[in-house]
């Protein structure tokens, strides 16, 4: 058998939960998403500069889940240039150009700031 006794009210808990429902995490995340665009642009190896200037982002919210998608619309012969630079690619003459991991180091500090920023938004509500 289980018994639960309570005295007082749940006013503070109810107030906190109401504030949590009103939070717009997607809005808070959008500023960090733009920082990610700047970081990726600065880190992208430059030849013509087109790949570095082609970064953008989308923020999608589905219920309580928020997702950031960073995009780069610079495409050559049907293949995204940002991916070629990251992972490497074969040349038309049988050679191979080694990729350089520039995306992960550029975006890691942004992920850390997102986690800290969202935590502050949630805990200050």
PDB file of N, CA and C in Angstrom:
ATOM      1  N   UNK A   1       0.836  -1.171   0.000  1.00  0.00           N
ATOM      2  CA  UNK A   1       0.000   0.000   0.000  1.00  0.00           C
ATOM      3  C   UNK A   1       0.888   1.243   0.000  1.00  0.00           C
ATOM      4  N   UNK A   2       0.436   2.269  -0.703  1.00  0.00           N
ATOM      5  CA  UNK A   2       1.194   3.507  -0.836  1.00  0.00           C
ATOM      6  C   UNK A   2       0.294   4.659  -0.420  1.00  0.00           C
ATOM      7  N   UNK A   3       0.817   5.527   0.456  1.00  0.00           N
ATOM      8  CA  UNK A   3       0.058   6.678   0.924  1.00  0.00           C
ATOM      9  C   UNK A   3       0.862   7.935   0.661  1.00  0.00           C
ATOM     10  N   UNK A   4       0.169   8.976   0.218  1.00  0.00           N
ATOM     11  CA  UNK A   4       0.808  10.254  -0.052  1.00  0.00           C
ATOM     12  C   UNK A   4       0.023  11.342   0.664  1.00  0.00           C
ATOM     13  N   UNK A   5       0.694  12.073   1.531  1.00  0.00           N
ATOM     14  CA  UNK A   5       0.080  13.195   2.232  1.00  0.00           C
ATOM     15  C   UNK A   5       0.735  14.480   1.764  1.00  0.00           C
ATOM     16  N   UNK A   6      -0.071  15.509   1.624  1.00  0.00           N
ATOM     17  CA  UNK A   6       0.452  16.780   1.135  1.00  0.00           C
ATOM     18  C   UNK A   6      -0.188  17.931   1.894  1.00  0.00           C
ATOM     19  N   UNK A   7       0.618  18.921   2.223  1.00  0.00           N
ATOM     20  CA  UNK A   7       0.121  20.156   2.823  1.00  0.00           C
ATOM     21  C   UNK A   7       0.639  21.318   1.994  1.00  0.00           C
ATOM     22  N   UNK A   8      -0.153  22.327   1.863  1.00  0.00           N
ATOM     23  CA  UNK A   8       0.278  23.483   1.094  1.00  0.00           C
ATOM     24  C   UNK A   8      -0.282  23.437  -0.311  1.00  0.00           C
ATOM     25  N   UNK A   9       0.425  24.099  -1.228  1.00  0.00           N
ATOM     26  CA  UNK A   9      -0.078  24.163  -2.598  1.00  0.00           C
ATOM     27  C   UNK A   9       1.042  23.814  -3.584  1.00  0.00           C
ATOM     28  N   UNK A  10       0.616  23.613  -4.802  1.00  0.00           N
ATOM     29  CA  UNK A  10       1.545  23.362  -5.896  1.00  0.00           C
ATOM     30  C   UNK A  10       1.672  24.612  -6.769  1.00  0.00           C
ATOM     31  N   UNK A  11       1.386  25.778  -6.222  1.00  0.00           N
ATOM     32  CA  UNK A  11       1.378  27.017  -7.000  1.00  0.00           C
ATOM     33  C   UNK A  11       2.704  27.287  -7.702  1.00  0.00           C
ATOM     34  N   UNK A  12       3.802  27.115  -6.985  1.00  0.00           N
ATOM     35  CA  UNK A  12       5.116  27.381  -7.584  1.00  0.00           C
ATOM     36  C   UNK A  12       5.398  26.405  -8.721  1.00  0.00           C
ATOM     37  N   UNK A  13       5.077  25.138  -8.521  1.00  0.00           N
ATOM     38  CA  UNK A  13       5.285  24.135  -9.566  1.00  0.00           C
ATOM     39  C   UNK A  13       4.403  24.433 -10.769  1.00  0.00           C
ATOM     40  N   UNK A  14       3.156  24.744 -10.537  1.00  0.00           N
ATOM     41  CA  UNK A  14       2.242  25.054 -11.636  1.00  0.00           C
ATOM     42  C   UNK A  14       2.702  26.294 -12.402  1.00  0.00           C
ATOM     43  N   UNK A  15       3.159  27.297 -11.669  1.00  0.00           N
ATOM     44  CA  UNK A  15       3.664  28.514 -12.307  1.00  0.00           C
ATOM     45  C   UNK A  15       4.887  28.208 -13.172  1.00  0.00           C
ATOM     46  N   UNK A  16       5.798  27.411 -12.642  1.00  0.00           N
ATOM     47  CA  UNK A  16       6.990  27.023 -13.408  1.00  0.00           C
ATOM     48  C   UNK A  16       6.598  26.263 -14.670  1.00  0.00           C
ATOM     49  N   UNK A  17       5.691  25.314 -14.554  1.00  0.00           N
ATOM     50  CA  UNK A  17       5.283  24.522 -15.715  1.00  0.00           C
ATOM     51  C   UNK A  17       4.579  25.388 -16.766  1.00  0.00           C
ATOM     52  N   UNK A  18       3.812  26.362 -16.332  1.00  0.00           N
ATOM     53  CA  UNK A  18       3.176  27.281 -17.285  1.00  0.00           C
ATOM     54  C   UNK A  18       4.220  28.100 -18.035  1.00  0.00           C
ATOM     55  N   UNK A  19       5.248  28.565 -17.326  1.00  0.00           N
ATOM     56  CA  UNK A  19       6.323  29.318 -17.992  1.00  0.00           C
ATOM     57  C   UNK A  19       7.070  28.438 -18.986  1.00  0.00           C
ATOM     58  N   UNK A  20       7.270  27.182 -18.628  1.00  0.00           N
ATOM     59  CA  UNK A  20       7.956  26.256 -19.529  1.00  0.00           C
ATOM     60  C   UNK A  20       7.165  26.069 -20.826  1.00  0.00           C
ATOM     61  N   UNK A  21       5.851  26.015 -20.728  1.00  0.00           N
ATOM     62  CA  UNK A  21       5.019  25.848 -21.922  1.00  0.00           C
ATOM     63  C   UNK A  21       5.119  27.044 -22.859  1.00  0.00           C
ATOM     64  N   UNK A  22       5.363  28.230 -22.308  1.00  0.00           N
ATOM     65  CA  UNK A  22       5.406  29.447 -23.114  1.00  0.00           C
ATOM     66  C   UNK A  22       6.780  29.729 -23.717  1.00  0.00           C
ATOM     67  N   UNK A  23       7.787  28.960 -23.326  1.00  0.00           N
ATOM     68  CA  UNK A  23       9.136  29.200 -23.841  1.00  0.00           C
ATOM     69  C   UNK A  23       9.180  28.974 -25.345  1.00  0.00           C
ATOM     70  N   UNK A  24       9.876  29.842 -26.025  1.00  0.00           N
ATOM     71  CA  UNK A  24      10.094  29.690 -27.459  1.00  0.00           C
ATOM     72  C   UNK A  24      11.564  29.345 -27.663  1.00  0.00           C
ATOM     73  N   UNK A  25      11.880  28.069 -27.510  1.00  0.00           N
ATOM     74  CA  UNK A  25      13.264  27.616 -27.631  1.00  0.00           C
ATOM     75  C   UNK A  25      13.785  27.869 -29.044  1.00  0.00           C
ATOM     76  N   UNK A  26      12.924  27.716 -30.046  1.00  0.00           N
ATOM     77  CA  UNK A  26      13.360  27.934 -31.429  1.00  0.00           C
ATOM     78  C   UNK A  26      13.875  29.359 -31.615  1.00  0.00           C
ATOM     79  N   UNK A  27      13.218  30.320 -30.986  1.00  0.00           N
ATOM     80  CA  UNK A  27      13.669  31.706 -31.090  1.00  0.00           C
ATOM     81  C   UNK A  27      15.033  31.879 -30.426  1.00  0.00           C
ATOM     82  N   UNK A  28      15.205  31.252 -29.273  1.00  0.00           N
ATOM     83  CA  UNK A  28      16.489  31.337 -28.568  1.00  0.00           C
ATOM     84  C   UNK A  28      17.610  30.682 -29.368  1.00  0.00           C
ATOM     85  N   UNK A  29      17.280  29.619 -30.070  1.00  0.00           N
ATOM     86  CA  UNK A  29      18.282  28.860 -30.825  1.00  0.00           C
ATOM     87  C   UNK A  29      18.667  29.567 -32.129  1.00  0.00           C
ATOM     88  N   UNK A  30      17.789  30.371 -32.668  1.00  0.00           N
ATOM     89  CA  UNK A  30      18.063  31.017 -33.961  1.00  0.00           C
ATOM     90  C   UNK A  30      19.321  31.885 -33.942  1.00  0.00           C
ATOM     91  N   UNK A  31      19.555  32.576 -32.848  1.00  0.00           N
ATOM     92  CA  UNK A  31      20.770  33.406 -32.762  1.00  0.00           C
ATOM     93  C   UNK A  31      22.015  32.533 -32.819  1.00  0.00           C
ATOM     94  N   UNK A  32      21.967  31.385 -32.158  1.00  0.00           N
ATOM     95  CA  UNK A  32      23.106  30.470 -32.195  1.00  0.00           C
ATOM     96  C   UNK A  32      23.267  29.867 -33.587  1.00  0.00           C
ATOM     97  N   UNK A  33      22.159  29.630 -34.256  1.00  0.00           N
ATOM     98  CA  UNK A  33      22.227  29.092 -35.617  1.00  0.00           C
ATOM     99  C   UNK A  33      22.941  30.075 -36.538  1.00  0.00           C
ATOM    100  N   UNK A  34      22.657  31.365 -36.375  1.00  0.00           N
ATOM    101  CA  UNK A  34      23.339  32.381 -37.181  1.00  0.00           C
ATOM    102  C   UNK A  34      24.826  32.429 -36.842  1.00  0.00           C
ATOM    103  N   UNK A  35      25.174  32.260 -35.561  1.00  0.00           N
ATOM    104  CA  UNK A  35      26.591  32.187 -35.182  1.00  0.00           C
ATOM    105  C   UNK A  35      27.259  31.006 -35.885  1.00  0.00           C
ATOM    106  N   UNK A  36      26.529  29.907 -36.017  1.00  0.00           N
ATOM    107  CA  UNK A  36      27.057  28.739 -36.723  1.00  0.00           C
ATOM    108  C   UNK A  36      27.363  29.051 -38.173  1.00  0.00           C
ATOM    109  N   UNK A  37      26.499  29.831 -38.804  1.00  0.00           N
ATOM    110  CA  UNK A  37      26.740  30.249 -40.193  1.00  0.00           C
ATOM    111  C   UNK A  37      28.046  31.034 -40.279  1.00  0.00           C
ATOM    112  N   UNK A  38      28.241  31.966 -39.354  1.00  0.00           N
ATOM    113  CA  UNK A  38      29.478  32.757 -39.362  1.00  0.00           C
ATOM    114  C   UNK A  38      30.699  31.875 -39.134  1.00  0.00           C
ATOM    115  N   UNK A  39      30.597  30.945 -38.193  1.00  0.00           N
ATOM    116  CA  UNK A  39      31.727  30.058 -37.878  1.00  0.00           C
ATOM    117  C   UNK A  39      32.051  29.152 -39.063  1.00  0.00           C
ATOM    118  N   UNK A  40      31.031  28.591 -39.682  1.00  0.00           N
ATOM    119  CA  UNK A  40      31.268  27.714 -40.836  1.00  0.00           C
ATOM    120  C   UNK A  40      31.835  28.493 -42.011  1.00  0.00           C
ATOM    121  N   UNK A  41      31.324  29.679 -42.235  1.00  0.00           N
ATOM    122  CA  UNK A  41      31.827  30.516 -43.325  1.00  0.00           C
ATOM    123  C   UNK A  41      33.297  30.856 -43.114  1.00  0.00           C
ATOM    124  N   UNK A  42      33.652  31.207 -41.882  1.00  0.00           N
ATOM    125  CA  UNK A  42      35.043  31.571 -41.587  1.00  0.00           C
ATOM    126  C   UNK A  42      35.973  30.371 -41.706  1.00  0.00           C
ATOM    127  N   UNK A  43      35.473  29.169 -41.404  1.00  0.00           N
ATOM    128  CA  UNK A  43      36.319  27.973 -41.407  1.00  0.00           C
ATOM    129  C   UNK A  43      36.414  27.302 -42.774  1.00  0.00           C
ATOM    130  N   UNK A  44      35.508  27.614 -43.684  1.00  0.00           N
ATOM    131  CA  UNK A  44      35.490  26.958 -44.988  1.00  0.00           C
ATOM    132  C   UNK A  44      36.711  27.370 -45.801  1.00  0.00           C
ATOM    133  N   UNK A  45      37.465  26.368 -46.283  1.00  0.00           N
ATOM    134  CA  UNK A  45      38.617  26.696 -47.141  1.00  0.00           C
ATOM    135  C   UNK A  45      38.156  27.519 -48.347  1.00  0.00           C
ATOM    136  N   UNK A  46      38.937  28.511 -48.698  1.00  0.00           N
ATOM    137  CA  UNK A  46      38.534  29.431 -49.768  1.00  0.00           C
ATOM    138  C   UNK A  46      39.378  29.224 -51.023  1.00  0.00           C
ATOM    139  N   UNK A  47      38.682  29.083 -52.115  1.00  0.00           N
ATOM    140  CA  UNK A  47      39.317  29.161 -53.414  1.00  0.00           C
ATOM    141  C   UNK A  47      38.655  30.344 -54.113  1.00  0.00           C
ATOM    142  N   UNK A  48      37.410  30.147 -54.486  1.00  0.00           N
ATOM    143  CA  UNK A  48      36.670  31.259 -55.067  1.00  0.00           C
ATOM    144  C   UNK A  48      35.890  32.016 -54.005  1.00  0.00           C
ATOM    145  N   UNK A  49      35.702  31.418 -52.826  1.00  0.00           N
ATOM    146  CA  UNK A  49      34.919  32.044 -51.765  1.00  0.00           C
ATOM    147  C   UNK A  49      33.441  31.731 -51.847  1.00  0.00           C
ATOM    148  N   UNK A  50      33.020  31.052 -52.914  1.00  0.00           N
ATOM    149  CA  UNK A  50      31.596  30.767 -53.097  1.00  0.00           C
ATOM    150  C   UNK A  50      31.072  29.797 -52.033  1.00  0.00           C
ATOM    151  N   UNK A  51      31.836  28.765 -51.729  1.00  0.00           N
ATOM    152  CA  UNK A  51      31.384  27.792 -50.721  1.00  0.00           C
ATOM    153  C   UNK A  51      31.268  28.452 -49.351  1.00  0.00           C
ATOM    154  N   UNK A  52      32.222  29.294 -49.004  1.00  0.00           N
ATOM    155  CA  UNK A  52      32.192  29.924 -47.683  1.00  0.00           C
ATOM    156  C   UNK A  52      31.046  30.919 -47.551  1.00  0.00           C
ATOM    157  N   UNK A  53      30.635  31.521 -48.643  1.00  0.00           N
ATOM    158  CA  UNK A  53      29.538  32.494 -48.578  1.00  0.00           C
ATOM    159  C   UNK A  53      28.171  31.851 -48.812  1.00  0.00           C
ATOM    160  N   UNK A  54      28.131  30.540 -48.975  1.00  0.00           N
ATOM    161  CA  UNK A  54      26.876  29.854 -49.287  1.00  0.00           C
ATOM    162  C   UNK A  54      26.232  29.154 -48.090  1.00  0.00           C
ATOM    163  N   UNK A  55      26.729  29.403 -46.884  1.00  0.00           N
ATOM    164  CA  UNK A  55      26.152  28.790 -45.683  1.00  0.00           C
ATOM    165  C   UNK A  55      24.879  29.517 -45.268  1.00  0.00           C
ATOM    166  N   UNK A  56      23.928  28.743 -44.767  1.00  0.00           N
ATOM    167  CA  UNK A  56      22.689  29.277 -44.234  1.00  0.00           C
ATOM    168  C   UNK A  56      22.163  28.294 -43.200  1.00  0.00           C
ATOM    169  N   UNK A  57      21.029  28.556 -42.624  1.00  0.00           N
ATOM    170  CA  UNK A  57      20.463  27.641 -41.638  1.00  0.00           C
ATOM    171  C   UNK A  57      18.942  27.653 -41.702  1.00  0.00           C
ATOM    172  N   UNK A  58      18.363  26.610 -41.140  1.00  0.00           N
ATOM    173  CA  UNK A  58      16.923  26.498 -40.949  1.00  0.00           C
ATOM    174  C   UNK A  58      16.708  26.008 -39.520  1.00  0.00           C
ATOM    175  N   UNK A  59      15.692  26.532 -38.858  1.00  0.00           N
ATOM    176  CA  UNK A  59      15.316  26.050 -37.534  1.00  0.00           C
ATOM    177  C   UNK A  59      13.922  25.457 -37.662  1.00  0.00           C
ATOM    178  N   UNK A  60      13.786  24.211 -37.245  1.00  0.00           N
ATOM    179  CA  UNK A  60      12.499  23.509 -37.289  1.00  0.00           C
ATOM    180  C   UNK A  60      12.098  23.119 -35.881  1.00  0.00           C
ATOM    181  N   UNK A  61      10.843  23.365 -35.551  1.00  0.00           N
ATOM    182  CA  UNK A  61      10.332  22.942 -34.250  1.00  0.00           C
ATOM    183  C   UNK A  61       9.159  22.016 -34.480  1.00  0.00           C
ATOM    184  N   UNK A  62       9.213  20.874 -33.804  1.00  0.00           N
ATOM    185  CA  UNK A  62       8.141  19.886 -33.868  1.00  0.00           C
ATOM    186  C   UNK A  62       7.793  19.526 -32.434  1.00  0.00           C
ATOM    187  N   UNK A  63       6.757  20.145 -31.914  1.00  0.00           N
ATOM    188  CA  UNK A  63       6.422  19.946 -30.516  1.00  0.00           C
ATOM    189  C   UNK A  63       7.496  20.546 -29.642  1.00  0.00           C
ATOM    190  N   UNK A  64       8.079  19.729 -28.790  1.00  0.00           N
ATOM    191  CA  UNK A  64       9.129  20.222 -27.891  1.00  0.00           C
ATOM    192  C   UNK A  64      10.530  20.045 -28.471  1.00  0.00           C
ATOM    193  N   UNK A  65      10.626  19.502 -29.666  1.00  0.00           N
ATOM    194  CA  UNK A  65      11.933  19.281 -30.284  1.00  0.00           C
ATOM    195  C   UNK A  65      12.277  20.423 -31.237  1.00  0.00           C
ATOM    196  N   UNK A  66      13.503  20.891 -31.122  1.00  0.00           N
ATOM    197  CA  UNK A  66      13.994  21.944 -32.007  1.00  0.00           C
ATOM    198  C   UNK A  66      15.216  21.408 -32.736  1.00  0.00           C
ATOM    199  N   UNK A  67      15.259  21.638 -34.034  1.00  0.00           N
ATOM    200  CA  UNK A  67      16.367  21.130 -34.842  1.00  0.00           C
ATOM    201  C   UNK A  67      16.931  22.257 -35.692  1.00  0.00           C
ATOM    202  N   UNK A  68      18.260  22.355 -35.707  1.00  0.00           N
ATOM    203  CA  UNK A  68      18.948  23.314 -36.573  1.00  0.00           C
ATOM    204  C   UNK A  68      19.559  22.522 -37.725  1.00  0.00           C
ATOM    205  N   UNK A  69      19.358  23.014 -38.916  1.00  0.00           N
ATOM    206  CA  UNK A  69      19.990  22.420 -40.094  1.00  0.00           C
ATOM    207  C   UNK A  69      20.819  23.517 -40.745  1.00  0.00           C
ATOM    208  N   UNK A  70      22.128  23.295 -40.809  1.00  0.00           N
ATOM    209  CA  UNK A  70      22.994  24.227 -41.525  1.00  0.00           C
ATOM    210  C   UNK A  70      23.098  23.729 -42.953  1.00  0.00           C
ATOM    211  N   UNK A  71      22.943  24.618 -43.896  1.00  0.00           N
ATOM    212  CA  UNK A  71      22.949  24.253 -45.306  1.00  0.00           C
ATOM    213  C   UNK A  71      24.040  25.026 -46.048  1.00  0.00           C
ATOM    214  N   UNK A  72      24.470  24.439 -47.143  1.00  0.00           N
ATOM    215  CA  UNK A  72      25.395  25.106 -48.035  1.00  0.00           C
ATOM    216  C   UNK A  72      24.952  24.756 -49.439  1.00  0.00           C
ATOM    217  N   UNK A  73      24.509  25.745 -50.198  1.00  0.00           N
ATOM    218  CA  UNK A  73      23.926  25.462 -51.512  1.00  0.00           C
ATOM    219  C   UNK A  73      24.911  25.601 -52.671  1.00  0.00           C
ATOM    220  N   UNK A  74      26.205  25.605 -52.364  1.00  0.00           N
ATOM    221  CA  UNK A  74      27.207  25.633 -53.424  1.00  0.00           C
ATOM    222  C   UNK A  74      27.415  24.203 -53.923  1.00  0.00           C
ATOM    223  N   UNK A  75      27.006  23.950 -55.163  1.00  0.00           N
ATOM    224  CA  UNK A  75      27.061  22.608 -55.746  1.00  0.00           C
ATOM    225  C   UNK A  75      27.807  22.678 -57.075  1.00  0.00           C
ATOM    226  N   UNK A  76      28.718  21.727 -57.272  1.00  0.00           N
ATOM    227  CA  UNK A  76      29.424  21.610 -58.554  1.00  0.00           C
ATOM    228  C   UNK A  76      29.212  20.212 -59.099  1.00  0.00           C
ATOM    229  N   UNK A  77      28.823  20.130 -60.340  1.00  0.00           N
ATOM    230  CA  UNK A  77      28.530  18.858 -61.029  1.00  0.00           C
ATOM    231  C   UNK A  77      27.678  17.927 -60.160  1.00  0.00           C
ATOM    232  N   UNK A  78      26.670  18.522 -59.503  1.00  0.00           N
ATOM    233  CA  UNK A  78      25.728  17.739 -58.719  1.00  0.00           C
ATOM    234  C   UNK A  78      26.194  17.324 -57.337  1.00  0.00           C
ATOM    235  N   UNK A  79      27.343  17.812 -56.905  1.00  0.00           N
ATOM    236  CA  UNK A  79      27.886  17.394 -55.608  1.00  0.00           C
ATOM    237  C   UNK A  79      28.147  18.630 -54.741  1.00  0.00           C
ATOM    238  N   UNK A  80      27.717  18.620 -53.471  1.00  0.00           N
ATOM    239  CA  UNK A  80      27.935  19.775 -52.598  1.00  0.00           C
ATOM    240  C   UNK A  80      29.419  20.030 -52.330  1.00  0.00           C
ATOM    241  N   UNK A  81      29.865  21.234 -52.606  1.00  0.00           N
ATOM    242  CA  UNK A  81      31.269  21.592 -52.447  1.00  0.00           C
ATOM    243  C   UNK A  81      31.706  21.471 -50.990  1.00  0.00           C
ATOM    244  N   UNK A  82      30.844  21.854 -50.055  1.00  0.00           N
ATOM    245  CA  UNK A  82      31.205  21.774 -48.633  1.00  0.00           C
ATOM    246  C   UNK A  82      31.522  20.334 -48.235  1.00  0.00           C
ATOM    247  N   UNK A  83      30.796  19.382 -48.779  1.00  0.00           N
ATOM    248  CA  UNK A  83      31.045  17.962 -48.485  1.00  0.00           C
ATOM    249  C   UNK A  83      32.339  17.506 -49.154  1.00  0.00           C
ATOM    250  N   UNK A  84      32.584  17.981 -50.368  1.00  0.00           N
ATOM    251  CA  UNK A  84      33.850  17.631 -51.045  1.00  0.00           C
ATOM    252  C   UNK A  84      35.038  18.128 -50.232  1.00  0.00           C
ATOM    253  N   UNK A  85      34.949  19.345 -49.728  1.00  0.00           N
ATOM    254  CA  UNK A  85      36.045  19.898 -48.940  1.00  0.00           C
ATOM    255  C   UNK A  85      36.229  19.144 -47.630  1.00  0.00           C
ATOM    256  N   UNK A  86      35.133  18.721 -47.021  1.00  0.00           N
ATOM    257  CA  UNK A  86      35.186  18.015 -45.737  1.00  0.00           C
ATOM    258  C   UNK A  86      35.741  16.602 -45.885  1.00  0.00           C
ATOM    259  N   UNK A  87      35.251  15.860 -46.875  1.00  0.00           N
ATOM    260  CA  UNK A  87      35.579  14.429 -46.976  1.00  0.00           C
ATOM    261  C   UNK A  87      36.517  14.062 -48.116  1.00  0.00           C
ATOM    262  N   UNK A  88      36.777  14.997 -49.003  1.00  0.00           N
ATOM    263  CA  UNK A  88      37.646  14.700 -50.137  1.00  0.00           C
ATOM    264  C   UNK A  88      36.832  14.270 -51.344  1.00  0.00           C
ATOM    265  N   UNK A  89      37.509  14.144 -52.476  1.00  0.00           N
ATOM    266  CA  UNK A  89      36.813  13.778 -53.710  1.00  0.00           C
ATOM    267  C   UNK A  89      37.807  13.267 -54.740  1.00  0.00           C
ATOM    268  N   UNK A  90      37.284  12.480 -55.664  1.00  0.00           N
ATOM    269  CA  UNK A  90      38.081  11.990 -56.770  1.00  0.00           C
ATOM    270  C   UNK A  90      38.088  13.010 -57.898  1.00  0.00           C
ATOM    271  N   UNK A  91      39.205  13.100 -58.554  1.00  0.00           N
ATOM    272  CA  UNK A  91      39.312  14.030 -59.686  1.00  0.00           C
ATOM    273  C   UNK A  91      38.916  13.313 -60.963  1.00  0.00           C
ATOM    274  N   UNK A  92      38.692  14.072 -61.996  1.00  0.00           N
ATOM    275  CA  UNK A  92      38.309  13.492 -63.288  1.00  0.00           C
ATOM    276  C   UNK A  92      39.444  12.727 -63.949  1.00  0.00           C
ATOM    277  N   UNK A  93      40.674  12.879 -63.467  1.00  0.00           N
ATOM    278  CA  UNK A  93      41.822  12.208 -64.074  1.00  0.00           C
ATOM    279  C   UNK A  93      42.299  11.009 -63.252  1.00  0.00           C
ATOM    280  N   UNK A  94      41.476  10.585 -62.273  1.00  0.00           N
ATOM    281  CA  UNK A  94      41.834   9.409 -61.477  1.00  0.00           C
ATOM    282  C   UNK A  94      42.553   9.717 -60.185  1.00  0.00           C
ATOM    283  N   UNK A  95      42.778  10.957 -59.913  1.00  0.00           N
ATOM    284  CA  UNK A  95      43.432  11.328 -58.655  1.00  0.00           C
ATOM    285  C   UNK A  95      42.433  11.488 -57.521  1.00  0.00           C
ATOM    286  N   UNK A  96      42.943  11.836 -56.373  1.00  0.00           N
ATOM    287  CA  UNK A  96      42.097  12.036 -55.200  1.00  0.00           C
ATOM    288  C   UNK A  96      42.594  13.260 -54.438  1.00  0.00           C
ATOM    289  N   UNK A  97      41.668  14.103 -54.032  1.00  0.00           N
ATOM    290  CA  UNK A  97      41.995  15.266 -53.216  1.00  0.00           C
ATOM    291  C   UNK A  97      41.515  14.969 -51.803  1.00  0.00           C
ATOM    292  N   UNK A  98      42.446  14.957 -50.859  1.00  0.00           N
ATOM    293  CA  UNK A  98      42.146  14.660 -49.461  1.00  0.00           C
ATOM    294  C   UNK A  98      41.259  15.749 -48.863  1.00  0.00           C
ATOM    295  N   UNK A  99      40.250  15.340 -48.117  1.00  0.00           N
ATOM    296  CA  UNK A  99      39.384  16.292 -47.432  1.00  0.00           C
ATOM    297  C   UNK A  99      40.057  16.844 -46.181  1.00  0.00           C
ATOM    298  N   UNK A 100      39.447  17.876 -45.619  1.00  0.00           N
ATOM    299  CA  UNK A 100      39.951  18.490 -44.395  1.00  0.00           C
ATOM    300  C   UNK A 100      38.751  18.686 -43.461  1.00  0.00           C
ATOM    301  N   UNK A 101      38.870  18.175 -42.232  1.00  0.00           N
ATOM    302  CA  UNK A 101      37.787  18.325 -41.278  1.00  0.00           C
ATOM    303  C   UNK A 101      37.758  19.765 -40.786  1.00  0.00           C
ATOM    304  N   UNK A 102      36.929  20.571 -41.397  1.00  0.00           N
ATOM    305  CA  UNK A 102      36.793  21.962 -40.987  1.00  0.00           C
ATOM    306  C   UNK A 102      35.436  22.235 -40.354  1.00  0.00           C
ATOM    307  N   UNK A 103      34.439  21.395 -40.639  1.00  0.00           N
ATOM    308  CA  UNK A 103      33.088  21.614 -40.134  1.00  0.00           C
ATOM    309  C   UNK A 103      33.005  21.333 -38.636  1.00  0.00           C
ATOM    310  N   UNK A 104      33.468  20.171 -38.205  1.00  0.00           N
ATOM    311  CA  UNK A 104      33.346  19.791 -36.791  1.00  0.00           C
ATOM    312  C   UNK A 104      34.054  20.753 -35.836  1.00  0.00           C
ATOM    313  N   UNK A 105      35.310  21.116 -36.094  1.00  0.00           N
ATOM    314  CA  UNK A 105      35.952  22.077 -35.185  1.00  0.00           C
ATOM    315  C   UNK A 105      35.267  23.452 -35.179  1.00  0.00           C
ATOM    316  N   UNK A 106      34.701  23.845 -36.312  1.00  0.00           N
ATOM    317  CA  UNK A 106      34.054  25.159 -36.386  1.00  0.00           C
ATOM    318  C   UNK A 106      32.735  25.174 -35.615  1.00  0.00           C
ATOM    319  N   UNK A 107      32.004  24.076 -35.656  1.00  0.00           N
ATOM    320  CA  UNK A 107      30.658  24.061 -35.095  1.00  0.00           C
ATOM    321  C   UNK A 107      30.623  23.610 -33.628  1.00  0.00           C
ATOM    322  N   UNK A 108      31.672  22.954 -33.156  1.00  0.00           N
ATOM    323  CA  UNK A 108      31.702  22.463 -31.762  1.00  0.00           C
ATOM    324  C   UNK A 108      31.481  23.577 -30.745  1.00  0.00           C
ATOM    325  N   UNK A 109      32.171  24.718 -30.841  1.00  0.00           N
ATOM    326  CA  UNK A 109      31.915  25.788 -29.868  1.00  0.00           C
ATOM    327  C   UNK A 109      30.473  26.308 -29.925  1.00  0.00           C
ATOM    328  N   UNK A 110      29.865  26.252 -31.094  1.00  0.00           N
ATOM    329  CA  UNK A 110      28.476  26.694 -31.233  1.00  0.00           C
ATOM    330  C   UNK A 110      27.562  25.722 -30.486  1.00  0.00           C
ATOM    331  N   UNK A 111      27.818  24.420 -30.635  1.00  0.00           N
ATOM    332  CA  UNK A 111      27.024  23.424 -29.894  1.00  0.00           C
ATOM    333  C   UNK A 111      27.136  23.659 -28.392  1.00  0.00           C
ATOM    334  N   UNK A 112      28.333  23.956 -27.930  1.00  0.00           N
ATOM    335  CA  UNK A 112      28.528  24.215 -26.500  1.00  0.00           C
ATOM    336  C   UNK A 112      27.741  25.447 -26.056  1.00  0.00           C
ATOM    337  N   UNK A 113      27.763  26.501 -26.869  1.00  0.00           N
ATOM    338  CA  UNK A 113      27.024  27.710 -26.519  1.00  0.00           C
ATOM    339  C   UNK A 113      25.514  27.483 -26.578  1.00  0.00           C
ATOM    340  N   UNK A 114      25.069  26.666 -27.518  1.00  0.00           N
ATOM    341  CA  UNK A 114      23.642  26.336 -27.582  1.00  0.00           C
ATOM    342  C   UNK A 114      23.219  25.635 -26.299  1.00  0.00           C
ATOM    343  N   UNK A 115      23.985  24.641 -25.890  1.00  0.00           N
ATOM    344  CA  UNK A 115      23.638  23.898 -24.673  1.00  0.00           C
ATOM    345  C   UNK A 115      23.599  24.833 -23.469  1.00  0.00           C
ATOM    346  N   UNK A 116      24.597  25.687 -23.322  1.00  0.00           N
ATOM    347  CA  UNK A 116      24.630  26.626 -22.200  1.00  0.00           C
ATOM    348  C   UNK A 116      23.471  27.628 -22.287  1.00  0.00           C
ATOM    349  N   UNK A 117      23.241  28.155 -23.465  1.00  0.00           N
ATOM    350  CA  UNK A 117      22.198  29.166 -23.640  1.00  0.00           C
ATOM    351  C   UNK A 117      20.803  28.629 -23.405  1.00  0.00           C
ATOM    352  N   UNK A 118      20.521  27.459 -23.936  1.00  0.00           N
ATOM    353  CA  UNK A 118      19.201  26.861 -23.733  1.00  0.00           C
ATOM    354  C   UNK A 118      19.012  26.503 -22.259  1.00  0.00           C
ATOM    355  N   UNK A 119      20.055  26.014 -21.619  1.00  0.00           N
ATOM    356  CA  UNK A 119      19.971  25.699 -20.188  1.00  0.00           C
ATOM    357  C   UNK A 119      19.624  26.956 -19.383  1.00  0.00           C
ATOM    358  N   UNK A 120      20.243  28.091 -19.736  1.00  0.00           N
ATOM    359  CA  UNK A 120      19.954  29.339 -19.032  1.00  0.00           C
ATOM    360  C   UNK A 120      18.519  29.786 -19.264  1.00  0.00           C
ATOM    361  N   UNK A 121      18.034  29.639 -20.500  1.00  0.00           N
ATOM    362  CA  UNK A 121      16.646  30.014 -20.802  1.00  0.00           C
ATOM    363  C   UNK A 121      15.683  29.160 -19.977  1.00  0.00           C
ATOM    364  N   UNK A 122      15.940  27.859 -19.921  1.00  0.00           N
ATOM    365  CA  UNK A 122      15.046  26.956 -19.209  1.00  0.00           C
ATOM    366  C   UNK A 122      15.092  27.207 -17.699  1.00  0.00           C
ATOM    367  N   UNK A 123      16.275  27.373 -17.152  1.00  0.00           N
ATOM    368  CA  UNK A 123      16.389  27.530 -15.700  1.00  0.00           C
ATOM    369  C   UNK A 123      15.987  28.920 -15.220  1.00  0.00           C
ATOM    370  N   UNK A 124      15.926  29.910 -16.110  1.00  0.00           N
ATOM    371  CA  UNK A 124      15.536  31.243 -15.681  1.00  0.00           C
ATOM    372  C   UNK A 124      14.043  31.499 -15.894  1.00  0.00           C
ATOM    373  N   UNK A 125      13.337  30.545 -16.453  1.00  0.00           N
ATOM    374  CA  UNK A 125      11.903  30.726 -16.747  1.00  0.00           C
ATOM    375  C   UNK A 125      11.071  30.789 -15.486  1.00  0.00           C
TER     376      UNK A 125
END
